[in-house]
Amino acid sequence: MFRKAIYPFYDSEKACVIIFIVMLLILLFGIAGMSAAREDAQYACYTWVPVLLSTLSLAVLISTSVRLLKHYRERILK
């Protein structure tokens, strides 16, 4: 008896696209936060927060992009 392999929910194409869009929005929010923190000298010491947010969202964005590219490559090769 053979069953189809069950993939994790985060590995589906829809989930990857949703994660990609959300991480892109968070990256843009972090970039806006960095520019806002640089404008006011009072908040210059808190620039690390949007930098960290942008860095983490960029890491997830890259890993999700790689996963999406693998899905599309498998679909084309079949």
PDB file of N, CA and C in Angstrom:
ATOM      1  N   MET A   1       0.841  -1.181   0.000  1.00  0.00           N
ATOM      2  CA  MET A   1       0.000   0.000   0.000  1.00  0.00           C
ATOM      3  C   MET A   1       0.886   1.245   0.000  1.00  0.00           C
ATOM      4  N   PHE A   2       0.760   2.037  -1.028  1.00  0.00           N
ATOM      5  CA  PHE A   2       1.583   3.238  -1.152  1.00  0.00           C
ATOM      6  C   PHE A   2       0.714   4.473  -0.937  1.00  0.00           C
ATOM      7  N   ARG A   3       1.235   5.364  -0.157  1.00  0.00           N
ATOM      8  CA  ARG A   3       0.529   6.621   0.103  1.00  0.00           C
ATOM      9  C   ARG A   3       1.356   7.774  -0.408  1.00  0.00           C
ATOM     10  N   LYS A   4       0.651   8.815  -0.733  1.00  0.00           N
ATOM     11  CA  LYS A   4       1.333  10.024  -1.173  1.00  0.00           C
ATOM     12  C   LYS A   4       2.006  10.683   0.039  1.00  0.00           C
ATOM     13  N   ALA A   5       3.191  11.187  -0.160  1.00  0.00           N
ATOM     14  CA  ALA A   5       3.916  11.826   0.933  1.00  0.00           C
ATOM     15  C   ALA A   5       3.181  13.085   1.384  1.00  0.00           C
ATOM     16  N   ILE A   6       3.109  13.266   2.680  1.00  0.00           N
ATOM     17  CA  ILE A   6       2.451  14.444   3.245  1.00  0.00           C
ATOM     18  C   ILE A   6       3.526  15.500   3.501  1.00  0.00           C
ATOM     19  N   TYR A   7       3.374  16.617   2.824  1.00  0.00           N
ATOM     20  CA  TYR A   7       4.315  17.705   2.996  1.00  0.00           C
ATOM     21  C   TYR A   7       3.839  18.626   4.112  1.00  0.00           C
ATOM     22  N   PRO A   8       4.774  19.258   4.798  1.00  0.00           N
ATOM     23  CA  PRO A   8       4.378  20.228   5.822  1.00  0.00           C
ATOM     24  C   PRO A   8       3.627  21.399   5.186  1.00  0.00           C
ATOM     25  N   PHE A   9       2.757  22.029   5.965  1.00  0.00           N
ATOM     26  CA  PHE A   9       1.932  23.107   5.428  1.00  0.00           C
ATOM     27  C   PHE A   9       2.773  24.277   4.930  1.00  0.00           C
ATOM     28  N   TYR A  10       3.900  24.535   5.553  1.00  0.00           N
ATOM     29  CA  TYR A  10       4.721  25.681   5.156  1.00  0.00           C
ATOM     30  C   TYR A  10       5.504  25.408   3.877  1.00  0.00           C
ATOM     31  N   ASP A  11       5.472  24.187   3.391  1.00  0.00           N
ATOM     32  CA  ASP A  11       6.183  23.852   2.169  1.00  0.00           C
ATOM     33  C   ASP A  11       5.276  23.894   0.940  1.00  0.00           C
ATOM     34  N   SER A  12       4.013  24.225   1.145  1.00  0.00           N
ATOM     35  CA  SER A  12       3.110  24.319  -0.002  1.00  0.00           C
ATOM     36  C   SER A  12       3.366  25.625  -0.753  1.00  0.00           C
ATOM     37  N   GLU A  13       2.937  25.649  -1.984  1.00  0.00           N
ATOM     38  CA  GLU A  13       3.195  26.826  -2.815  1.00  0.00           C
ATOM     39  C   GLU A  13       2.421  28.049  -2.313  1.00  0.00           C
ATOM     40  N   LYS A  14       1.175  27.840  -1.903  1.00  0.00           N
ATOM     41  CA  LYS A  14       0.369  28.963  -1.404  1.00  0.00           C
ATOM     42  C   LYS A  14       0.975  29.555  -0.143  1.00  0.00           C
ATOM     43  N   ALA A  15       1.414  28.695   0.760  1.00  0.00           N
ATOM     44  CA  ALA A  15       2.014  29.177   2.005  1.00  0.00           C
ATOM     45  C   ALA A  15       3.306  29.943   1.719  1.00  0.00           C
ATOM     46  N   CYS A  16       4.091  29.456   0.778  1.00  0.00           N
ATOM     47  CA  CYS A  16       5.338  30.145   0.433  1.00  0.00           C
ATOM     48  C   CYS A  16       5.068  31.526  -0.160  1.00  0.00           C
ATOM     49  N   VAL A  17       4.044  31.628  -0.989  1.00  0.00           N
ATOM     50  CA  VAL A  17       3.708  32.930  -1.581  1.00  0.00           C
ATOM     51  C   VAL A  17       3.218  33.889  -0.498  1.00  0.00           C
ATOM     52  N   ILE A  18       2.399  33.397   0.417  1.00  0.00           N
ATOM     53  CA  ILE A  18       1.892  34.242   1.509  1.00  0.00           C
ATOM     54  C   ILE A  18       3.053  34.700   2.394  1.00  0.00           C
ATOM     55  N   ILE A  19       3.949  33.782   2.738  1.00  0.00           N
ATOM     56  CA  ILE A  19       5.107  34.135   3.566  1.00  0.00           C
ATOM     57  C   ILE A  19       5.988  35.140   2.835  1.00  0.00           C
ATOM     58  N   PHE A  20       6.167  34.952   1.531  1.00  0.00           N
ATOM     59  CA  PHE A  20       6.976  35.870   0.743  1.00  0.00           C
ATOM     60  C   PHE A  20       6.400  37.287   0.791  1.00  0.00           C
ATOM     61  N   ILE A  21       5.094  37.405   0.598  1.00  0.00           N
ATOM     62  CA  ILE A  21       4.449  38.723   0.593  1.00  0.00           C
ATOM     63  C   ILE A  21       4.537  39.381   1.974  1.00  0.00           C
ATOM     64  N   VAL A  22       4.268  38.610   3.025  1.00  0.00           N
ATOM     65  CA  VAL A  22       4.306  39.162   4.384  1.00  0.00           C
ATOM     66  C   VAL A  22       5.726  39.604   4.747  1.00  0.00           C
ATOM     67  N   MET A  23       6.717  38.794   4.403  1.00  0.00           N
ATOM     68  CA  MET A  23       8.097  39.164   4.713  1.00  0.00           C
ATOM     69  C   MET A  23       8.553  40.373   3.905  1.00  0.00           C
ATOM     70  N   LEU A  24       8.054  40.510   2.697  1.00  0.00           N
ATOM     71  CA  LEU A  24       8.374  41.687   1.898  1.00  0.00           C
ATOM     72  C   LEU A  24       7.794  42.943   2.546  1.00  0.00           C
ATOM     73  N   LEU A  25       6.570  42.844   3.051  1.00  0.00           N
ATOM     74  CA  LEU A  25       5.954  43.979   3.755  1.00  0.00           C
ATOM     75  C   LEU A  25       6.716  44.321   5.037  1.00  0.00           C
ATOM     76  N   ILE A  26       7.147  43.299   5.761  1.00  0.00           N
ATOM     77  CA  ILE A  26       7.909  43.538   6.991  1.00  0.00           C
ATOM     78  C   ILE A  26       9.264  44.158   6.668  1.00  0.00           C
ATOM     79  N   LEU A  27       9.884  43.718   5.568  1.00  0.00           N
ATOM     80  CA  LEU A  27      11.153  44.319   5.144  1.00  0.00           C
ATOM     81  C   LEU A  27      10.972  45.796   4.820  1.00  0.00           C
ATOM     82  N   LEU A  28       9.921  46.132   4.110  1.00  0.00           N
ATOM     83  CA  LEU A  28       9.652  47.539   3.794  1.00  0.00           C
ATOM     84  C   LEU A  28       9.353  48.342   5.057  1.00  0.00           C
ATOM     85  N   PHE A  29       8.645  47.735   5.994  1.00  0.00           N
ATOM     86  CA  PHE A  29       8.372  48.395   7.279  1.00  0.00           C
ATOM     87  C   PHE A  29       9.670  48.656   8.046  1.00  0.00           C
ATOM     88  N   GLY A  30      10.581  47.696   8.024  1.00  0.00           N
ATOM     89  CA  GLY A  30      11.874  47.875   8.692  1.00  0.00           C
ATOM     90  C   GLY A  30      12.706  48.964   8.038  1.00  0.00           C
ATOM     91  N   ILE A  31      12.668  49.029   6.716  1.00  0.00           N
ATOM     92  CA  ILE A  31      13.403  50.086   6.007  1.00  0.00           C
ATOM     93  C   ILE A  31      12.826  51.453   6.344  1.00  0.00           C
ATOM     94  N   ALA A  32      11.505  51.546   6.417  1.00  0.00           N
ATOM     95  CA  ALA A  32      10.870  52.807   6.811  1.00  0.00           C
ATOM     96  C   ALA A  32      11.241  53.160   8.254  1.00  0.00           C
ATOM     97  N   GLY A  33      11.335  52.159   9.106  1.00  0.00           N
ATOM     98  CA  GLY A  33      11.741  52.395  10.492  1.00  0.00           C
ATOM     99  C   GLY A  33      13.171  52.887  10.603  1.00  0.00           C
ATOM    100  N   MET A  34      14.045  52.355   9.761  1.00  0.00           N
ATOM    101  CA  MET A  34      15.435  52.828   9.772  1.00  0.00           C
ATOM    102  C   MET A  34      15.528  54.280   9.333  1.00  0.00           C
ATOM    103  N   SER A  35      14.784  54.650   8.319  1.00  0.00           N
ATOM    104  CA  SER A  35      14.838  56.042   7.870  1.00  0.00           C
ATOM    105  C   SER A  35      14.217  56.973   8.903  1.00  0.00           C
ATOM    106  N   ALA A  36      13.165  56.527   9.575  1.00  0.00           N
ATOM    107  CA  ALA A  36      12.549  57.357  10.617  1.00  0.00           C
ATOM    108  C   ALA A  36      13.470  57.503  11.827  1.00  0.00           C
ATOM    109  N   ALA A  37      14.185  56.437  12.167  1.00  0.00           N
ATOM    110  CA  ALA A  37      15.099  56.511  13.313  1.00  0.00           C
ATOM    111  C   ALA A  37      16.306  57.386  13.012  1.00  0.00           C
ATOM    112  N   ARG A  38      16.734  57.428  11.767  1.00  0.00           N
ATOM    113  CA  ARG A  38      17.881  58.265  11.408  1.00  0.00           C
ATOM    114  C   ARG A  38      17.526  59.740  11.351  1.00  0.00           C
ATOM    115  N   GLU A  39      16.268  60.060  11.079  1.00  0.00           N
ATOM    116  CA  GLU A  39      15.861  61.467  10.971  1.00  0.00           C
ATOM    117  C   GLU A  39      15.891  62.183  12.315  1.00  0.00           C
ATOM    118  N   ASP A  40      15.526  61.482  13.366  1.00  0.00           N
ATOM    119  CA  ASP A  40      15.450  62.109  14.686  1.00  0.00           C
ATOM    120  C   ASP A  40      16.625  61.629  15.540  1.00  0.00           C
ATOM    121  N   ALA A  41      17.419  62.551  16.042  1.00  0.00           N
ATOM    122  CA  ALA A  41      18.604  62.207  16.841  1.00  0.00           C
ATOM    123  C   ALA A  41      18.217  61.515  18.143  1.00  0.00           C
ATOM    124  N   GLN A  42      17.027  61.777  18.629  1.00  0.00           N
ATOM    125  CA  GLN A  42      16.562  61.170  19.877  1.00  0.00           C
ATOM    126  C   GLN A  42      16.408  59.653  19.733  1.00  0.00           C
ATOM    127  N   TYR A  43      16.078  59.174  18.531  1.00  0.00           N
ATOM    128  CA  TYR A  43      15.840  57.747  18.310  1.00  0.00           C
ATOM    129  C   TYR A  43      16.992  57.062  17.589  1.00  0.00           C
ATOM    130  N   ALA A  44      18.102  57.735  17.414  1.00  0.00           N
ATOM    131  CA  ALA A  44      19.236  57.167  16.685  1.00  0.00           C
ATOM    132  C   ALA A  44      19.803  55.928  17.380  1.00  0.00           C
ATOM    133  N   CYS A  45      19.733  55.886  18.694  1.00  0.00           N
ATOM    134  CA  CYS A  45      20.273  54.719  19.412  1.00  0.00           C
ATOM    135  C   CYS A  45      19.371  53.494  19.281  1.00  0.00           C
ATOM    136  N   TYR A  46      18.165  53.665  18.772  1.00  0.00           N
ATOM    137  CA  TYR A  46      17.238  52.545  18.598  1.00  0.00           C
ATOM    138  C   TYR A  46      17.172  52.057  17.151  1.00  0.00           C
ATOM    139  N   THR A  47      18.133  52.435  16.365  1.00  0.00           N
ATOM    140  CA  THR A  47      18.156  52.015  14.963  1.00  0.00           C
ATOM    141  C   THR A  47      18.342  50.506  14.836  1.00  0.00           C
ATOM    142  N   TRP A  48      18.896  49.868  15.857  1.00  0.00           N
ATOM    143  CA  TRP A  48      19.148  48.433  15.792  1.00  0.00           C
ATOM    144  C   TRP A  48      17.854  47.622  15.680  1.00  0.00           C
ATOM    145  N   VAL A  49      16.753  48.152  16.182  1.00  0.00           N
ATOM    146  CA  VAL A  49      15.493  47.404  16.134  1.00  0.00           C
ATOM    147  C   VAL A  49      15.003  47.230  14.690  1.00  0.00           C
ATOM    148  N   PRO A  50      14.864  48.287  13.897  1.00  0.00           N
ATOM    149  CA  PRO A  50      14.450  48.058  12.509  1.00  0.00           C
ATOM    150  C   PRO A  50      15.510  47.350  11.669  1.00  0.00           C
ATOM    151  N   VAL A  51      16.788  47.509  12.030  1.00  0.00           N
ATOM    152  CA  VAL A  51      17.843  46.782  11.312  1.00  0.00           C
ATOM    153  C   VAL A  51      17.694  45.284  11.563  1.00  0.00           C
ATOM    154  N   LEU A  52      17.463  44.909  12.803  1.00  0.00           N
ATOM    155  CA  LEU A  52      17.261  43.499  13.140  1.00  0.00           C
ATOM    156  C   LEU A  52      16.009  42.948  12.471  1.00  0.00           C
ATOM    157  N   LEU A  53      14.943  43.721  12.497  1.00  0.00           N
ATOM    158  CA  LEU A  53      13.696  43.310  11.860  1.00  0.00           C
ATOM    159  C   LEU A  53      13.882  43.108  10.361  1.00  0.00           C
ATOM    160  N   SER A  54      14.571  44.017   9.729  1.00  0.00           N
ATOM    161  CA  SER A  54      14.820  43.906   8.288  1.00  0.00           C
ATOM    162  C   SER A  54      15.723  42.728   7.964  1.00  0.00           C
ATOM    163  N   THR A  55      16.741  42.518   8.778  1.00  0.00           N
ATOM    164  CA  THR A  55      17.668  41.417   8.549  1.00  0.00           C
ATOM    165  C   THR A  55      16.979  40.063   8.679  1.00  0.00           C
ATOM    166  N   LEU A  56      16.179  39.909   9.715  1.00  0.00           N
ATOM    167  CA  LEU A  56      15.475  38.643   9.922  1.00  0.00           C
ATOM    168  C   LEU A  56      14.437  38.390   8.830  1.00  0.00           C
ATOM    169  N   SER A  57      13.719  39.429   8.440  1.00  0.00           N
ATOM    170  CA  SER A  57      12.729  39.237   7.375  1.00  0.00           C
ATOM    171  C   SER A  57      13.418  38.955   6.045  1.00  0.00           C
ATOM    172  N   LEU A  58      14.580  39.540   5.813  1.00  0.00           N
ATOM    173  CA  LEU A  58      15.330  39.262   4.590  1.00  0.00           C
ATOM    174  C   LEU A  58      15.821  37.809   4.570  1.00  0.00           C
ATOM    175  N   ALA A  59      16.226  37.295   5.723  1.00  0.00           N
ATOM    176  CA  ALA A  59      16.669  35.896   5.796  1.00  0.00           C
ATOM    177  C   ALA A  59      15.517  34.943   5.467  1.00  0.00           C
ATOM    178  N   VAL A  60      14.344  35.213   6.025  1.00  0.00           N
ATOM    179  CA  VAL A  60      13.182  34.374   5.732  1.00  0.00           C
ATOM    180  C   VAL A  60      12.769  34.540   4.276  1.00  0.00           C
ATOM    181  N   LEU A  61      12.866  35.745   3.761  1.00  0.00           N
ATOM    182  CA  LEU A  61      12.519  36.018   2.364  1.00  0.00           C
ATOM    183  C   LEU A  61      13.429  35.236   1.413  1.00  0.00           C
ATOM    184  N   ILE A  62      14.701  35.175   1.712  1.00  0.00           N
ATOM    185  CA  ILE A  62      15.639  34.438   0.865  1.00  0.00           C
ATOM    186  C   ILE A  62      15.359  32.940   0.924  1.00  0.00           C
ATOM    187  N   SER A  63      15.139  32.409   2.127  1.00  0.00           N
ATOM    188  CA  SER A  63      14.871  30.974   2.231  1.00  0.00           C
ATOM    189  C   SER A  63      13.553  30.597   1.556  1.00  0.00           C
ATOM    190  N   THR A  64      12.562  31.454   1.652  1.00  0.00           N
ATOM    191  CA  THR A  64      11.288  31.194   0.990  1.00  0.00           C
ATOM    192  C   THR A  64      11.440  31.288  -0.523  1.00  0.00           C
ATOM    193  N   SER A  65      12.247  32.210  -0.990  1.00  0.00           N
ATOM    194  CA  SER A  65      12.491  32.332  -2.430  1.00  0.00           C
ATOM    195  C   SER A  65      13.162  31.082  -2.977  1.00  0.00           C
ATOM    196  N   VAL A  66      14.121  30.555  -2.233  1.00  0.00           N
ATOM    197  CA  VAL A  66      14.793  29.323  -2.659  1.00  0.00           C
ATOM    198  C   VAL A  66      13.791  28.177  -2.716  1.00  0.00           C
ATOM    199  N   ARG A  67      12.931  28.095  -1.718  1.00  0.00           N
ATOM    200  CA  ARG A  67      11.917  27.037  -1.687  1.00  0.00           C
ATOM    201  C   ARG A  67      10.945  27.171  -2.859  1.00  0.00           C
ATOM    202  N   LEU A  68      10.522  28.398  -3.173  1.00  0.00           N
ATOM    203  CA  LEU A  68       9.628  28.616  -4.310  1.00  0.00           C
ATOM    204  C   LEU A  68      10.308  28.270  -5.631  1.00  0.00           C
ATOM    205  N   LEU A  69      11.561  28.631  -5.764  1.00  0.00           N
ATOM    206  CA  LEU A  69      12.290  28.303  -6.986  1.00  0.00           C
ATOM    207  C   LEU A  69      12.411  26.790  -7.171  1.00  0.00           C
ATOM    208  N   LYS A  70      12.613  26.061  -6.073  1.00  0.00           N
ATOM    209  CA  LYS A  70      12.660  24.599  -6.158  1.00  0.00           C
ATOM    210  C   LYS A  70      11.318  24.037  -6.606  1.00  0.00           C
ATOM    211  N   HIS A  71      10.224  24.588  -6.088  1.00  0.00           N
ATOM    212  CA  HIS A  71       8.892  24.129  -6.497  1.00  0.00           C
ATOM    213  C   HIS A  71       8.670  24.375  -7.989  1.00  0.00           C
ATOM    214  N   TYR A  72       9.017  25.559  -8.450  1.00  0.00           N
ATOM    215  CA  TYR A  72       8.808  25.890  -9.855  1.00  0.00           C
ATOM    216  C   TYR A  72       9.713  25.060 -10.767  1.00  0.00           C
ATOM    217  N   ARG A  73      10.942  24.810 -10.325  1.00  0.00           N
ATOM    218  CA  ARG A  73      11.853  23.995 -11.123  1.00  0.00           C
ATOM    219  C   ARG A  73      11.350  22.557 -11.238  1.00  0.00           C
ATOM    220  N   GLU A  74      10.828  22.004 -10.126  1.00  0.00           N
ATOM    221  CA  GLU A  74      10.270  20.652 -10.169  1.00  0.00           C
ATOM    222  C   GLU A  74       9.058  20.587 -11.082  1.00  0.00           C
ATOM    223  N   ARG A  75       8.237  21.644 -11.080  1.00  0.00           N
ATOM    224  CA  ARG A  75       7.060  21.665 -11.924  1.00  0.00           C
ATOM    225  C   ARG A  75       7.433  21.731 -13.398  1.00  0.00           C
ATOM    226  N   ILE A  76       8.475  22.487 -13.723  1.00  0.00           N
ATOM    227  CA  ILE A  76       8.900  22.610 -15.116  1.00  0.00           C
ATOM    228  C   ILE A  76       9.532  21.317 -15.617  1.00  0.00           C
ATOM    229  N   LEU A  77      10.300  20.649 -14.765  1.00  0.00           N
ATOM    230  CA  LEU A  77      10.994  19.438 -15.188  1.00  0.00           C
ATOM    231  C   LEU A  77      10.067  18.241 -15.329  1.00  0.00           C
ATOM    232  N   LYS A  78       8.893  18.295 -14.740  1.00  0.00           N
ATOM    233  CA  LYS A  78       7.970  17.150 -14.840  1.00  0.00           C
ATOM    234  C   LYS A  78       7.253  17.116 -16.128  1.00  0.00           C
TER     235      LYS A  78
END
